[in-house]
PDB file of N, CA and C in Angstrom:
ATOM      1  N   MET A   1      85.222 -92.408  12.779  1.00  0.00           N
ATOM      2  CA  MET A   1      84.554 -92.125  11.519  1.00  0.00           C
ATOM      3  C   MET A   1      85.399 -91.167  10.691  1.00  0.00           C
ATOM      4  N   ASN A   2      85.553 -91.453   9.407  1.00  0.00           N
ATOM      5  CA  ASN A   2      86.317 -90.613   8.495  1.00  0.00           C
ATOM      6  C   ASN A   2      85.431 -89.449   8.052  1.00  0.00           C
ATOM      7  N   THR A   3      85.834 -88.225   8.403  1.00  0.00           N
ATOM      8  CA  THR A   3      85.032 -87.052   8.059  1.00  0.00           C
ATOM      9  C   THR A   3      85.558 -86.335   6.824  1.00  0.00           C
ATOM     10  N   GLU A   4      86.621 -86.860   6.217  1.00  0.00           N
ATOM     11  CA  GLU A   4      87.135 -86.264   4.985  1.00  0.00           C
ATOM     12  C   GLU A   4      86.139 -86.446   3.853  1.00  0.00           C
ATOM     13  N   THR A   5      86.129 -85.488   2.947  1.00  0.00           N
ATOM     14  CA  THR A   5      85.353 -85.647   1.729  1.00  0.00           C
ATOM     15  C   THR A   5      86.014 -86.751   0.909  1.00  0.00           C
ATOM     16  N   PRO A   6      85.238 -87.698   0.373  1.00  0.00           N
ATOM     17  CA  PRO A   6      85.867 -88.827  -0.329  1.00  0.00           C
ATOM     18  C   PRO A   6      86.493 -88.457  -1.675  1.00  0.00           C
ATOM     19  N   ILE A   7      86.179 -87.277  -2.200  1.00  0.00           N
ATOM     20  CA  ILE A   7      86.731 -86.860  -3.490  1.00  0.00           C
ATOM     21  C   ILE A   7      87.313 -85.469  -3.360  1.00  0.00           C
ATOM     22  N   ASP A   8      88.550 -85.313  -3.816  1.00  0.00           N
ATOM     23  CA  ASP A   8      89.179 -83.993  -3.922  1.00  0.00           C
ATOM     24  C   ASP A   8      89.580 -83.810  -5.379  1.00  0.00           C
ATOM     25  N   PRO A   9      88.782 -83.064  -6.154  1.00  0.00           N
ATOM     26  CA  PRO A   9      89.041 -82.934  -7.583  1.00  0.00           C
ATOM     27  C   PRO A   9      90.274 -82.107  -7.933  1.00  0.00           C
ATOM     28  N   THR A  10      90.936 -81.513  -6.933  1.00  0.00           N
ATOM     29  CA  THR A  10      92.090 -80.652  -7.204  1.00  0.00           C
ATOM     30  C   THR A  10      93.422 -81.378  -7.122  1.00  0.00           C
ATOM     31  N   VAL A  11      93.419 -82.633  -6.659  1.00  0.00           N
ATOM     32  CA  VAL A  11      94.667 -83.380  -6.450  1.00  0.00           C
ATOM     33  C   VAL A  11      95.038 -84.146  -7.721  1.00  0.00           C
ATOM     34  N   PRO A  12      96.237 -83.909  -8.247  1.00  0.00           N
ATOM     35  CA  PRO A  12      96.649 -84.640  -9.458  1.00  0.00           C
ATOM     36  C   PRO A  12      97.000 -86.092  -9.137  1.00  0.00           C
ATOM     37  N   PRO A  13      97.014 -86.946 -10.157  1.00  0.00           N
ATOM     38  CA  PRO A  13      97.423 -88.336  -9.932  1.00  0.00           C
ATOM     39  C   PRO A  13      98.889 -88.409  -9.520  1.00  0.00           C
ATOM     40  N   SER A  14      99.231 -89.463  -8.805  1.00  0.00           N
ATOM     41  CA  SER A  14     100.591 -89.623  -8.273  1.00  0.00           C
ATOM     42  C   SER A  14     101.614 -89.955  -9.344  1.00  0.00           C
ATOM     43  N   GLY A  15     101.179 -90.322 -10.524  1.00  0.00           N
ATOM     44  CA  GLY A  15     102.092 -90.671 -11.603  1.00  0.00           C
ATOM     45  C   GLY A  15     101.331 -91.348 -12.718  1.00  0.00           C
ATOM     46  N   THR A  16     102.048 -92.119 -13.518  1.00  0.00           N
ATOM     47  CA  THR A  16     101.409 -92.785 -14.658  1.00  0.00           C
ATOM     48  C   THR A  16     101.282 -94.292 -14.466  1.00  0.00           C
ATOM     49  N   GLY A  17     101.744 -94.793 -13.318  1.00  0.00           N
ATOM     50  CA  GLY A  17     101.673 -96.218 -13.041  1.00  0.00           C
ATOM     51  C   GLY A  17     101.428 -96.474 -11.571  1.00  0.00           C
ATOM     52  N   CYS A  18     101.209 -97.727 -11.222  1.00  0.00           N
ATOM     53  CA  CYS A  18     100.981 -98.117  -9.837  1.00  0.00           C
ATOM     54  C   CYS A  18     102.213 -97.758  -8.998  1.00  0.00           C
ATOM     55  N   VAL A  19     101.981 -96.978  -7.950  1.00  0.00           N
ATOM     56  CA  VAL A  19     103.072 -96.509  -7.097  1.00  0.00           C
ATOM     57  C   VAL A  19     103.880 -97.676  -6.546  1.00  0.00           C
ATOM     58  N   GLU A  20     103.189 -98.651  -5.961  1.00  0.00           N
ATOM     59  CA  GLU A  20     103.872 -99.769  -5.313  1.00  0.00           C
ATOM     60  C   GLU A  20     104.523-100.707  -6.323  1.00  0.00           C
ATOM     61  N   CYS A  21     103.842-100.988  -7.432  1.00  0.00           N
ATOM     62  CA  CYS A  21     104.438-101.851  -8.461  1.00  0.00           C
ATOM     63  C   CYS A  21     105.685-101.198  -9.053  1.00  0.00           C
ATOM     64  N   ASP A  22     105.618 -99.894  -9.303  1.00  0.00           N
ATOM     65  CA  ASP A  22     106.798 -99.195  -9.819  1.00  0.00           C
ATOM     66  C   ASP A  22     107.959 -99.282  -8.841  1.00  0.00           C
ATOM     67  N   ALA A  23     107.681 -99.092  -7.559  1.00  0.00           N
ATOM     68  CA  ALA A  23     108.741 -99.142  -6.542  1.00  0.00           C
ATOM     69  C   ALA A  23     109.379-100.524  -6.461  1.00  0.00           C
ATOM     70  N   ALA A  24     108.584-101.564  -6.692  1.00  0.00           N
ATOM     71  CA  ALA A  24     109.086-102.940  -6.579  1.00  0.00           C
ATOM     72  C   ALA A  24     109.541-103.525  -7.911  1.00  0.00           C
ATOM     73  N   GLY A  25     109.402-102.764  -9.004  1.00  0.00           N
ATOM     74  CA  GLY A  25     109.766-103.289 -10.316  1.00  0.00           C
ATOM     75  C   GLY A  25     108.744-104.262 -10.854  1.00  0.00           C
ATOM     76  N   GLY A  26     107.503-104.172 -10.371  1.00  0.00           N
ATOM     77  CA  GLY A  26     106.448-105.094 -10.775  1.00  0.00           C
ATOM     78  C   GLY A  26     105.642-104.594 -11.967  1.00  0.00           C
ATOM     79  N   TRP A  27     104.526-105.266 -12.200  1.00  0.00           N
ATOM     80  CA  TRP A  27     103.669-104.948 -13.343  1.00  0.00           C
ATOM     81  C   TRP A  27     102.211-104.982 -12.875  1.00  0.00           C
ATOM     82  N   TRP A  28     101.329-104.471 -13.720  1.00  0.00           N
ATOM     83  CA  TRP A  28      99.912-104.405 -13.383  1.00  0.00           C
ATOM     84  C   TRP A  28      99.062-104.724 -14.597  1.00  0.00           C
ATOM     85  N   PHE A  29      97.778-104.979 -14.329  1.00  0.00           N
ATOM     86  CA  PHE A  29      96.826-105.225 -15.403  1.00  0.00           C
ATOM     87  C   PHE A  29      96.121-103.923 -15.780  1.00  0.00           C
ATOM     88  N   HIS A  30      95.353-103.354 -14.862  1.00  0.00           N
ATOM     89  CA  HIS A  30      94.718-102.049 -15.071  1.00  0.00           C
ATOM     90  C   HIS A  30      95.022-101.151 -13.882  1.00  0.00           C
ATOM     91  N   LEU A  31      94.810 -99.847 -14.091  1.00  0.00           N
ATOM     92  CA  LEU A  31      95.129 -98.874 -13.050  1.00  0.00           C
ATOM     93  C   LEU A  31      93.885 -98.157 -12.543  1.00  0.00           C
ATOM     94  N   ARG A  32      93.933 -97.789 -11.250  1.00  0.00           N
ATOM     95  CA  ARG A  32      92.868 -97.044 -10.591  1.00  0.00           C
ATOM     96  C   ARG A  32      93.472 -95.856  -9.857  1.00  0.00           C
ATOM     97  N   ARG A  33      92.700 -94.769  -9.805  1.00  0.00           N
ATOM     98  CA  ARG A  33      93.154 -93.528  -9.179  1.00  0.00           C
ATOM     99  C   ARG A  33      92.311 -93.240  -7.944  1.00  0.00           C
ATOM    100  N   CYS A  34      92.941 -93.013  -6.818  1.00  0.00           N
ATOM    101  CA  CYS A  34      92.228 -92.610  -5.613  1.00  0.00           C
ATOM    102  C   CYS A  34      91.670 -91.213  -5.855  1.00  0.00           C
ATOM    103  N   ALA A  35      90.366 -91.069  -5.677  1.00  0.00           N
ATOM    104  CA  ALA A  35      89.718 -89.781  -5.941  1.00  0.00           C
ATOM    105  C   ALA A  35      89.957 -88.787  -4.809  1.00  0.00           C
ATOM    106  N   ARG A  36      90.545 -89.221  -3.722  1.00  0.00           N
ATOM    107  CA  ARG A  36      90.840 -88.327  -2.603  1.00  0.00           C
ATOM    108  C   ARG A  36      92.265 -87.771  -2.674  1.00  0.00           C
ATOM    109  N   CYS A  37      93.257 -88.643  -2.885  1.00  0.00           N
ATOM    110  CA  CYS A  37      94.654 -88.197  -2.804  1.00  0.00           C
ATOM    111  C   CYS A  37      95.433 -88.374  -4.097  1.00  0.00           C
ATOM    112  N   GLY A  38      94.836 -88.989  -5.124  1.00  0.00           N
ATOM    113  CA  GLY A  38      95.513 -89.152  -6.408  1.00  0.00           C
ATOM    114  C   GLY A  38      96.389 -90.387  -6.528  1.00  0.00           C
ATOM    115  N   HIS A  39      96.483 -91.191  -5.472  1.00  0.00           N
ATOM    116  CA  HIS A  39      97.315 -92.401  -5.514  1.00  0.00           C
ATOM    117  C   HIS A  39      96.894 -93.278  -6.688  1.00  0.00           C
ATOM    118  N   ILE A  40      97.863 -93.694  -7.493  1.00  0.00           N
ATOM    119  CA  ILE A  40      97.595 -94.636  -8.574  1.00  0.00           C
ATOM    120  C   ILE A  40      97.997 -96.024  -8.089  1.00  0.00           C
ATOM    121  N   GLY A  41      97.030 -96.937  -8.150  1.00  0.00           N
ATOM    122  CA  GLY A  41      97.257 -98.314  -7.734  1.00  0.00           C
ATOM    123  C   GLY A  41      96.722 -99.272  -8.780  1.00  0.00           C
ATOM    124  N   CYS A  42      97.181-100.498  -8.714  1.00  0.00           N
ATOM    125  CA  CYS A  42      96.708-101.503  -9.666  1.00  0.00           C
ATOM    126  C   CYS A  42      95.375-102.072  -9.202  1.00  0.00           C
ATOM    127  N   CYS A  43      94.581-102.522 -10.149  1.00  0.00           N
ATOM    128  CA  CYS A  43      93.215-102.986  -9.898  1.00  0.00           C
ATOM    129  C   CYS A  43      93.184-104.374  -9.282  1.00  0.00           C
ATOM    130  N   ASP A  44      91.996-104.822  -8.915  1.00  0.00           N
ATOM    131  CA  ASP A  44      91.835-106.141  -8.313  1.00  0.00           C
ATOM    132  C   ASP A  44      92.083-107.281  -9.282  1.00  0.00           C
ATOM    133  N   ASP A  45      92.109-107.009 -10.574  1.00  0.00           N
ATOM    134  CA  ASP A  45      92.481-108.033 -11.546  1.00  0.00           C
ATOM    135  C   ASP A  45      93.993-108.157 -11.671  1.00  0.00           C
ATOM    136  N   SER A  46      94.743-107.243 -11.073  1.00  0.00           N
ATOM    137  CA  SER A  46      96.199-107.312 -11.038  1.00  0.00           C
ATOM    138  C   SER A  46      96.620-108.244  -9.909  1.00  0.00           C
ATOM    139  N   LEU A  47      97.847-108.740  -9.963  1.00  0.00           N
ATOM    140  CA  LEU A  47      98.313-109.659  -8.926  1.00  0.00           C
ATOM    141  C   LEU A  47      98.335-109.015  -7.542  1.00  0.00           C
ATOM    142  N   SER A  48      98.759-107.767  -7.455  1.00  0.00           N
ATOM    143  CA  SER A  48      99.001-107.162  -6.146  1.00  0.00           C
ATOM    144  C   SER A  48      97.827-106.366  -5.580  1.00  0.00           C
ATOM    145  N   GLN A  49      96.891-105.944  -6.377  1.00  0.00           N
ATOM    146  CA  GLN A  49      95.672-105.266  -5.915  1.00  0.00           C
ATOM    147  C   GLN A  49      95.962-104.070  -5.004  1.00  0.00           C
ATOM    148  N   HIS A  50      96.887-103.216  -5.438  1.00  0.00           N
ATOM    149  CA  HIS A  50      97.301-102.087  -4.609  1.00  0.00           C
ATOM    150  C   HIS A  50      96.247-101.005  -4.440  1.00  0.00           C
ATOM    151  N   ALA A  51      95.330-100.834  -5.384  1.00  0.00           N
ATOM    152  CA  ALA A  51      94.285 -99.810  -5.225  1.00  0.00           C
ATOM    153  C   ALA A  51      93.389-100.151  -4.037  1.00  0.00           C
ATOM    154  N   THR A  52      92.973-101.402  -3.936  1.00  0.00           N
ATOM    155  CA  THR A  52      92.138-101.823  -2.808  1.00  0.00           C
ATOM    156  C   THR A  52      92.911-101.728  -1.502  1.00  0.00           C
ATOM    157  N   ALA A  53      94.177-102.123  -1.508  1.00  0.00           N
ATOM    158  CA  ALA A  53      95.008-102.031  -0.306  1.00  0.00           C
ATOM    159  C   ALA A  53      95.128-100.575   0.146  1.00  0.00           C
ATOM    160  N   HIS A  54      95.289 -99.663  -0.796  1.00  0.00           N
ATOM    161  CA  HIS A  54      95.371 -98.239  -0.467  1.00  0.00           C
ATOM    162  C   HIS A  54      94.072 -97.762   0.172  1.00  0.00           C
ATOM    163  N   ALA A  55      92.943 -98.132  -0.397  1.00  0.00           N
ATOM    164  CA  ALA A  55      91.643 -97.715   0.152  1.00  0.00           C
ATOM    165  C   ALA A  55      91.480 -98.218   1.586  1.00  0.00           C
ATOM    166  N   ARG A  56      91.850 -99.461   1.835  1.00  0.00           N
ATOM    167  CA  ARG A  56      91.731-100.026   3.187  1.00  0.00           C
ATOM    168  C   ARG A  56      92.674 -99.340   4.176  1.00  0.00           C
ATOM    169  N   ALA A  57      93.893 -99.076   3.732  1.00  0.00           N
ATOM    170  CA  ALA A  57      94.895 -98.491   4.627  1.00  0.00           C
ATOM    171  C   ALA A  57      94.623 -97.027   4.947  1.00  0.00           C
ATOM    172  N   THR A  58      94.043 -96.304   4.013  1.00  0.00           N
ATOM    173  CA  THR A  58      93.866 -94.858   4.191  1.00  0.00           C
ATOM    174  C   THR A  58      92.453 -94.433   4.541  1.00  0.00           C
ATOM    175  N   GLY A  59      91.472 -95.302   4.266  1.00  0.00           N
ATOM    176  CA  GLY A  59      90.084 -94.900   4.443  1.00  0.00           C
ATOM    177  C   GLY A  59      89.582 -94.023   3.314  1.00  0.00           C
ATOM    178  N   HIS A  60      90.295 -94.020   2.190  1.00  0.00           N
ATOM    179  CA  HIS A  60      89.868 -93.287   0.992  1.00  0.00           C
ATOM    180  C   HIS A  60      89.058 -94.255   0.133  1.00  0.00           C
ATOM    181  N   PRO A  61      87.731 -94.183   0.172  1.00  0.00           N
ATOM    182  CA  PRO A  61      86.910 -95.243  -0.421  1.00  0.00           C
ATOM    183  C   PRO A  61      86.622 -95.129  -1.912  1.00  0.00           C
ATOM    184  N   VAL A  62      86.852 -93.976  -2.520  1.00  0.00           N
ATOM    185  CA  VAL A  62      86.407 -93.779  -3.901  1.00  0.00           C
ATOM    186  C   VAL A  62      87.597 -93.798  -4.858  1.00  0.00           C
ATOM    187  N   ILE A  63      87.463 -94.623  -5.905  1.00  0.00           N
ATOM    188  CA  ILE A  63      88.472 -94.665  -6.961  1.00  0.00           C
ATOM    189  C   ILE A  63      87.824 -94.309  -8.284  1.00  0.00           C
ATOM    190  N   ARG A  64      88.666 -93.949  -9.239  1.00  0.00           N
ATOM    191  CA  ARG A  64      88.239 -93.706 -10.609  1.00  0.00           C
ATOM    192  C   ARG A  64      89.153 -94.527 -11.503  1.00  0.00           C
ATOM    193  N   SER A  65      88.614 -95.039 -12.576  1.00  0.00           N
ATOM    194  CA  SER A  65      89.469 -95.743 -13.520  1.00  0.00           C
ATOM    195  C   SER A  65      90.545 -94.790 -14.025  1.00  0.00           C
ATOM    196  N   PHE A  66      91.742 -95.314 -14.233  1.00  0.00           N
ATOM    197  CA  PHE A  66      92.844 -94.525 -14.806  1.00  0.00           C
ATOM    198  C   PHE A  66      93.224 -95.102 -16.161  1.00  0.00           C
ATOM    199  N   GLU A  67      92.230 -95.706 -16.818  1.00  0.00           N
ATOM    200  CA  GLU A  67      92.417 -96.293 -18.140  1.00  0.00           C
ATOM    201  C   GLU A  67      91.857 -95.345 -19.213  1.00  0.00           C
ATOM    202  N   PRO A  68      92.539 -95.240 -20.353  1.00  0.00           N
ATOM    203  CA  PRO A  68      92.034 -94.382 -21.434  1.00  0.00           C
ATOM    204  C   PRO A  68      90.611 -94.772 -21.839  1.00  0.00           C
ATOM    205  N   GLY A  69      89.759 -93.775 -21.995  1.00  0.00           N
ATOM    206  CA  GLY A  69      88.383 -93.997 -22.435  1.00  0.00           C
ATOM    207  C   GLY A  69      87.419 -94.402 -21.338  1.00  0.00           C
ATOM    208  N   GLU A  70      87.883 -94.500 -20.091  1.00  0.00           N
ATOM    209  CA  GLU A  70      87.017 -94.878 -18.975  1.00  0.00           C
ATOM    210  C   GLU A  70      86.930 -93.726 -17.975  1.00  0.00           C
ATOM    211  N   SER A  71      85.719 -93.420 -17.521  1.00  0.00           N
ATOM    212  CA  SER A  71      85.544 -92.322 -16.558  1.00  0.00           C
ATOM    213  C   SER A  71      84.696 -92.740 -15.360  1.00  0.00           C
ATOM    214  N   TRP A  72      84.552 -94.050 -15.124  1.00  0.00           N
ATOM    215  CA  TRP A  72      83.711 -94.529 -14.030  1.00  0.00           C
ATOM    216  C   TRP A  72      84.407 -94.420 -12.673  1.00  0.00           C
ATOM    217  N   PHE A  73      83.577 -94.406 -11.639  1.00  0.00           N
ATOM    218  CA  PHE A  73      84.024 -94.357 -10.250  1.00  0.00           C
ATOM    219  C   PHE A  73      83.475 -95.579  -9.515  1.00  0.00           C
ATOM    220  N   TRP A  74      84.154 -95.982  -8.432  1.00  0.00           N
ATOM    221  CA  TRP A  74      83.711 -97.072  -7.570  1.00  0.00           C
ATOM    222  C   TRP A  74      83.901 -96.631  -6.126  1.00  0.00           C
ATOM    223  N   ASN A  75      82.915 -96.940  -5.286  1.00  0.00           N
ATOM    224  CA  ASN A  75      83.007 -96.630  -3.870  1.00  0.00           C
ATOM    225  C   ASN A  75      83.139 -97.958  -3.115  1.00  0.00           C
ATOM    226  N   TYR A  76      84.301 -98.187  -2.501  1.00  0.00           N
ATOM    227  CA  TYR A  76      84.545 -99.421  -1.758  1.00  0.00           C
ATOM    228  C   TYR A  76      83.621 -99.548  -0.551  1.00  0.00           C
ATOM    229  N   ASP A  77      83.308 -98.435   0.115  1.00  0.00           N
ATOM    230  CA  ASP A  77      82.467 -98.488   1.314  1.00  0.00           C
ATOM    231  C   ASP A  77      81.050 -98.950   1.014  1.00  0.00           C
ATOM    232  N   THR A  78      80.503 -98.502  -0.115  1.00  0.00           N
ATOM    233  CA  THR A  78      79.108 -98.805  -0.431  1.00  0.00           C
ATOM    234  C   THR A  78      78.952 -99.831  -1.548  1.00  0.00           C
ATOM    235  N   SER A  79      80.062-100.238  -2.168  1.00  0.00           N
ATOM    236  CA  SER A  79      80.049-101.140  -3.331  1.00  0.00           C
ATOM    237  C   SER A  79      79.184-100.580  -4.459  1.00  0.00           C
ATOM    238  N   GLU A  80      79.236 -99.259  -4.629  1.00  0.00           N
ATOM    239  CA  GLU A  80      78.458 -98.612  -5.686  1.00  0.00           C
ATOM    240  C   GLU A  80      79.359 -98.226  -6.855  1.00  0.00           C
ATOM    241  N   PHE A  81      78.837 -98.464  -8.047  1.00  0.00           N
ATOM    242  CA  PHE A  81      79.487 -98.120  -9.307  1.00  0.00           C
ATOM    243  C   PHE A  81      78.798 -96.887  -9.870  1.00  0.00           C
ATOM    244  N   TYR A  82      79.587 -95.945 -10.393  1.00  0.00           N
ATOM    245  CA  TYR A  82      79.054 -94.733 -11.005  1.00  0.00           C
ATOM    246  C   TYR A  82      79.645 -94.596 -12.401  1.00  0.00           C
ATOM    247  N   GLU A  83      78.800 -94.438 -13.391  1.00  0.00           N
ATOM    248  CA  GLU A  83      79.258 -94.270 -14.782  1.00  0.00           C
ATOM    249  C   GLU A  83      80.181 -93.068 -14.931  1.00  0.00           C
ATOM    250  N   SER A  84      79.949 -92.035 -14.135  1.00  0.00           N
ATOM    251  CA  SER A  84      80.780 -90.832 -14.188  1.00  0.00           C
ATOM    252  C   SER A  84      80.701 -90.146 -12.832  1.00  0.00           C
ATOM    253  N   GLY A  85      81.442 -89.082 -12.693  1.00  0.00           N
ATOM    254  CA  GLY A  85      81.479 -88.316 -11.450  1.00  0.00           C
ATOM    255  C   GLY A  85      82.097 -86.976 -11.715  1.00  0.00           C
ATOM    256  N   PRO A  86      82.565 -86.318 -10.676  1.00  0.00           N
ATOM    257  CA  PRO A  86      83.151 -84.992 -10.870  1.00  0.00           C
ATOM    258  C   PRO A  86      84.425 -85.056 -11.717  1.00  0.00           C
ATOM    259  N   GLN A  87      84.686 -83.991 -12.416  1.00  0.00           N
ATOM    260  CA  GLN A  87      85.915 -83.885 -13.203  1.00  0.00           C
ATOM    261  C   GLN A  87      87.095 -83.764 -12.250  1.00  0.00           C
ATOM    262  N   LEU A  88      88.077 -84.629 -12.408  1.00  0.00           N
ATOM    263  CA  LEU A  88      89.299 -84.563 -11.614  1.00  0.00           C
ATOM    264  C   LEU A  88      90.369 -83.846 -12.417  1.00  0.00           C
ATOM    265  N   VAL A  89      91.338 -83.273 -11.714  1.00  0.00           N
ATOM    266  CA  VAL A  89      92.424 -82.576 -12.406  1.00  0.00           C
ATOM    267  C   VAL A  89      93.160 -83.575 -13.311  1.00  0.00           C
ATOM    268  N   PRO A  90      93.497 -83.177 -14.530  1.00  0.00           N
ATOM    269  CA  PRO A  90      94.186 -84.080 -15.463  1.00  0.00           C
ATOM    270  C   PRO A  90      95.585 -84.454 -14.971  1.00  0.00           C
ATOM    271  N   PRO A  91      96.121 -85.524 -15.535  1.00  0.00           N
ATOM    272  CA  PRO A  91      95.565 -86.349 -16.594  1.00  0.00           C
ATOM    273  C   PRO A  91      94.513 -87.328 -16.067  1.00  0.00           C
ATOM    274  N   ASP A  92      93.608 -87.724 -16.943  1.00  0.00           N
ATOM    275  CA  ASP A  92      92.510 -88.618 -16.604  1.00  0.00           C
ATOM    276  C   ASP A  92      92.876 -90.092 -16.730  1.00  0.00           C
ATOM    277  N   ASN A  93      94.009 -90.377 -17.334  1.00  0.00           N
ATOM    278  CA  ASN A  93      94.402 -91.763 -17.571  1.00  0.00           C
ATOM    279  C   ASN A  93      95.909 -91.847 -17.780  1.00  0.00           C
ATOM    280  N   HIS A  94      96.385 -93.086 -17.737  1.00  0.00           N
ATOM    281  CA  HIS A  94      97.805 -93.298 -18.047  1.00  0.00           C
ATOM    282  C   HIS A  94      98.017 -92.965 -19.518  1.00  0.00           C
ATOM    283  N   PRO A  95      99.254 -92.722 -19.931  1.00  0.00           N
ATOM    284  CA  PRO A  95      99.502 -92.409 -21.341  1.00  0.00           C
ATOM    285  C   PRO A  95      98.940 -93.510 -22.243  1.00  0.00           C
ATOM    286  N   PRO A  96      98.215 -93.150 -23.275  1.00  0.00           N
ATOM    287  CA  PRO A  96      97.611 -94.153 -24.164  1.00  0.00           C
ATOM    288  C   PRO A  96      98.623 -95.126 -24.768  1.00  0.00           C
ATOM    289  N   GLU A  97      99.860 -94.690 -24.923  1.00  0.00           N
ATOM    290  CA  GLU A  97     100.874 -95.585 -25.507  1.00  0.00           C
ATOM    291  C   GLU A  97     101.407 -96.599 -24.492  1.00  0.00           C
ATOM    292  N   GLN A  98     101.066 -96.434 -23.204  1.00  0.00           N
ATOM    293  CA  GLN A  98     101.476 -97.403 -22.189  1.00  0.00           C
ATOM    294  C   GLN A  98     100.636 -98.660 -22.372  1.00  0.00           C
ATOM    295  N   PRO A  99     101.265 -99.807 -22.535  1.00  0.00           N
ATOM    296  CA  PRO A  99     100.492-101.028 -22.822  1.00  0.00           C
ATOM    297  C   PRO A  99      99.682-101.509 -21.624  1.00  0.00           C
ATOM    298  N   VAL A 100      98.694-102.333 -21.917  1.00  0.00           N
ATOM    299  CA  VAL A 100      97.888-103.010 -20.904  1.00  0.00           C
ATOM    300  C   VAL A 100      97.979-104.499 -21.193  1.00  0.00           C
ATOM    301  N   PRO A 101      98.485-105.305 -20.275  1.00  0.00           N
ATOM    302  CA  PRO A 101      99.057-104.878 -19.009  1.00  0.00           C
ATOM    303  C   PRO A 101     100.349-104.093 -19.227  1.00  0.00           C
ATOM    304  N   GLY A 102     100.810-103.472 -18.176  1.00  0.00           N
ATOM    305  CA  GLY A 102     101.987-102.622 -18.282  1.00  0.00           C
ATOM    306  C   GLY A 102     102.819-102.688 -17.019  1.00  0.00           C
ATOM    307  N   PRO A 103     103.889-101.951 -17.019  1.00  0.00           N
ATOM    308  CA  PRO A 103     104.403-101.111 -18.090  1.00  0.00           C
ATOM    309  C   PRO A 103     105.263-101.910 -19.064  1.00  0.00           C
ATOM    310  N   ALA A 104     105.546-101.305 -20.171  1.00  0.00           N
ATOM    311  CA  ALA A 104     106.373-101.947 -21.199  1.00  0.00           C
ATOM    312  C   ALA A 104     107.700-102.391 -20.583  1.00  0.00           C
ATOM    313  N   GLY A 105     108.103-103.591 -20.929  1.00  0.00           N
ATOM    314  CA  GLY A 105     109.390-104.105 -20.473  1.00  0.00           C
ATOM    315  C   GLY A 105     109.355-104.847 -19.148  1.00  0.00           C
ATOM    316  N   ARG A 106     108.234-104.774 -18.408  1.00  0.00           N
ATOM    317  CA  ARG A 106     108.176-105.459 -17.107  1.00  0.00           C
ATOM    318  C   ARG A 106     107.087-106.527 -17.046  1.00  0.00           C
ATOM    319  N   VAL A 107     106.306-106.653 -18.077  1.00  0.00           N
ATOM    320  CA  VAL A 107     105.220-107.637 -18.073  1.00  0.00           C
ATOM    321  C   VAL A 107     105.784-108.994 -18.493  1.00  0.00           C
ATOM    322  N   PRO A 108     105.641-110.011 -17.651  1.00  0.00           N
ATOM    323  CA  PRO A 108     106.181-111.316 -18.019  1.00  0.00           C
ATOM    324  C   PRO A 108     105.389-111.944 -19.161  1.00  0.00           C
ATOM    325  N   ALA A 109     106.053-112.779 -19.910  1.00  0.00           N
ATOM    326  CA  ALA A 109     105.411-113.445 -21.049  1.00  0.00           C
ATOM    327  C   ALA A 109     104.221-114.290 -20.605  1.00  0.00           C
ATOM    328  N   ASP A 110     104.280-114.813 -19.394  1.00  0.00           N
ATOM    329  CA  ASP A 110     103.202-115.675 -18.898  1.00  0.00           C
ATOM    330  C   ASP A 110     102.211-114.928 -17.997  1.00  0.00           C
ATOM    331  N   TRP A 111     102.023-113.628 -18.234  1.00  0.00           N
ATOM    332  CA  TRP A 111     101.172-112.813 -17.361  1.00  0.00           C
ATOM    333  C   TRP A 111      99.756-113.363 -17.235  1.00  0.00           C
ATOM    334  N   ALA A 112      99.164-113.812 -18.340  1.00  0.00           N
ATOM    335  CA  ALA A 112      97.787-114.325 -18.290  1.00  0.00           C
ATOM    336  C   ALA A 112      97.718-115.593 -17.437  1.00  0.00           C
ATOM    337  N   GLU A 113      98.727-116.445 -17.552  1.00  0.00           N
ATOM    338  CA  GLU A 113      98.766-117.665 -16.756  1.00  0.00           C
ATOM    339  C   GLU A 113      98.919-117.337 -15.272  1.00  0.00           C
ATOM    340  N   GLN A 114      99.725-116.315 -14.957  1.00  0.00           N
ATOM    341  CA  GLN A 114      99.890-115.911 -13.560  1.00  0.00           C
ATOM    342  C   GLN A 114      98.561-115.446 -12.964  1.00  0.00           C
ATOM    343  N   LEU A 115      97.812-114.661 -13.723  1.00  0.00           N
ATOM    344  CA  LEU A 115      96.517-114.189 -13.233  1.00  0.00           C
ATOM    345  C   LEU A 115      95.531-115.346 -13.083  1.00  0.00           C
ATOM    346  N   SER A 116      95.539-116.270 -14.039  1.00  0.00           N
ATOM    347  CA  SER A 116      94.647-117.438 -13.954  1.00  0.00           C
ATOM    348  C   SER A 116      94.989-118.312 -12.755  1.00  0.00           C
ATOM    349  N   ALA A 117      96.280-118.506 -12.502  1.00  0.00           N
ATOM    350  CA  ALA A 117      96.707-119.321 -11.362  1.00  0.00           C
ATOM    351  C   ALA A 117      96.294-118.662 -10.051  1.00  0.00           C
ATOM    352  N   ARG A 118      96.418-117.356  -9.956  1.00  0.00           N
ATOM    353  CA  ARG A 118      95.988-116.635  -8.762  1.00  0.00           C
ATOM    354  C   ARG A 118      94.493-116.807  -8.555  1.00  0.00           C
ATOM    355  N   ASP A 119      93.708-116.660  -9.634  1.00  0.00           N
ATOM    356  CA  ASP A 119      92.256-116.823  -9.536  1.00  0.00           C
ATOM    357  C   ASP A 119      91.883-118.240  -9.126  1.00  0.00           C
ATOM    358  N   ALA A 120      92.575-119.230  -9.678  1.00  0.00           N
ATOM    359  CA  ALA A 120      92.304-120.618  -9.314  1.00  0.00           C
ATOM    360  C   ALA A 120      92.608-120.870  -7.849  1.00  0.00           C
ATOM    361  N   ALA A 121      93.692-120.272  -7.355  1.00  0.00           N
ATOM    362  CA  ALA A 121      94.071-120.448  -5.960  1.00  0.00           C
ATOM    363  C   ALA A 121      93.046-119.805  -5.012  1.00  0.00           C
ATOM    364  N   ARG A 122      92.405-118.740  -5.470  1.00  0.00           N
ATOM    365  CA  ARG A 122      91.369-118.063  -4.664  1.00  0.00           C
ATOM    366  C   ARG A 122      90.017-118.748  -4.803  1.00  0.00           C
ATOM    367  N   GLY A 123      89.901-119.679  -5.745  1.00  0.00           N
ATOM    368  CA  GLY A 123      88.628-120.332  -5.967  1.00  0.00           C
ATOM    369  C   GLY A 123      87.674-119.510  -6.807  1.00  0.00           C
ATOM    370  N   ALA A 124      88.238-118.571  -7.577  1.00  0.00           N
ATOM    371  CA  ALA A 124      87.411-117.682  -8.408  1.00  0.00           C
ATOM    372  C   ALA A 124      86.992-118.374  -9.678  1.00  0.00           C
TER     373      ALA A 124
END
């Protein structure tokens, strides 16, 4: 059983983009922040779904949106959505000038088709 507190409001985000996508030169659709360790991962609408992979690998169940204007939280363990939660150390989102999808210069021209093809393959 994981006895860690699922949220540590003192930990800053790991950066301004998905850690794994940045390392691989990839791209993302939206970003999520681990409320325990600050890891920034791409959302489930992204091709690689690194935020969910991080939660499964670490046992850190709570994420917060890392998108400008969004302050909601999600708990993977309970499948609960929260409109808001505790204030986390800034920044609260990726830089507003960073495009969605992002980052600038790495998003393929056919990004929407890639996401649709992935969804079709999953039967979504």
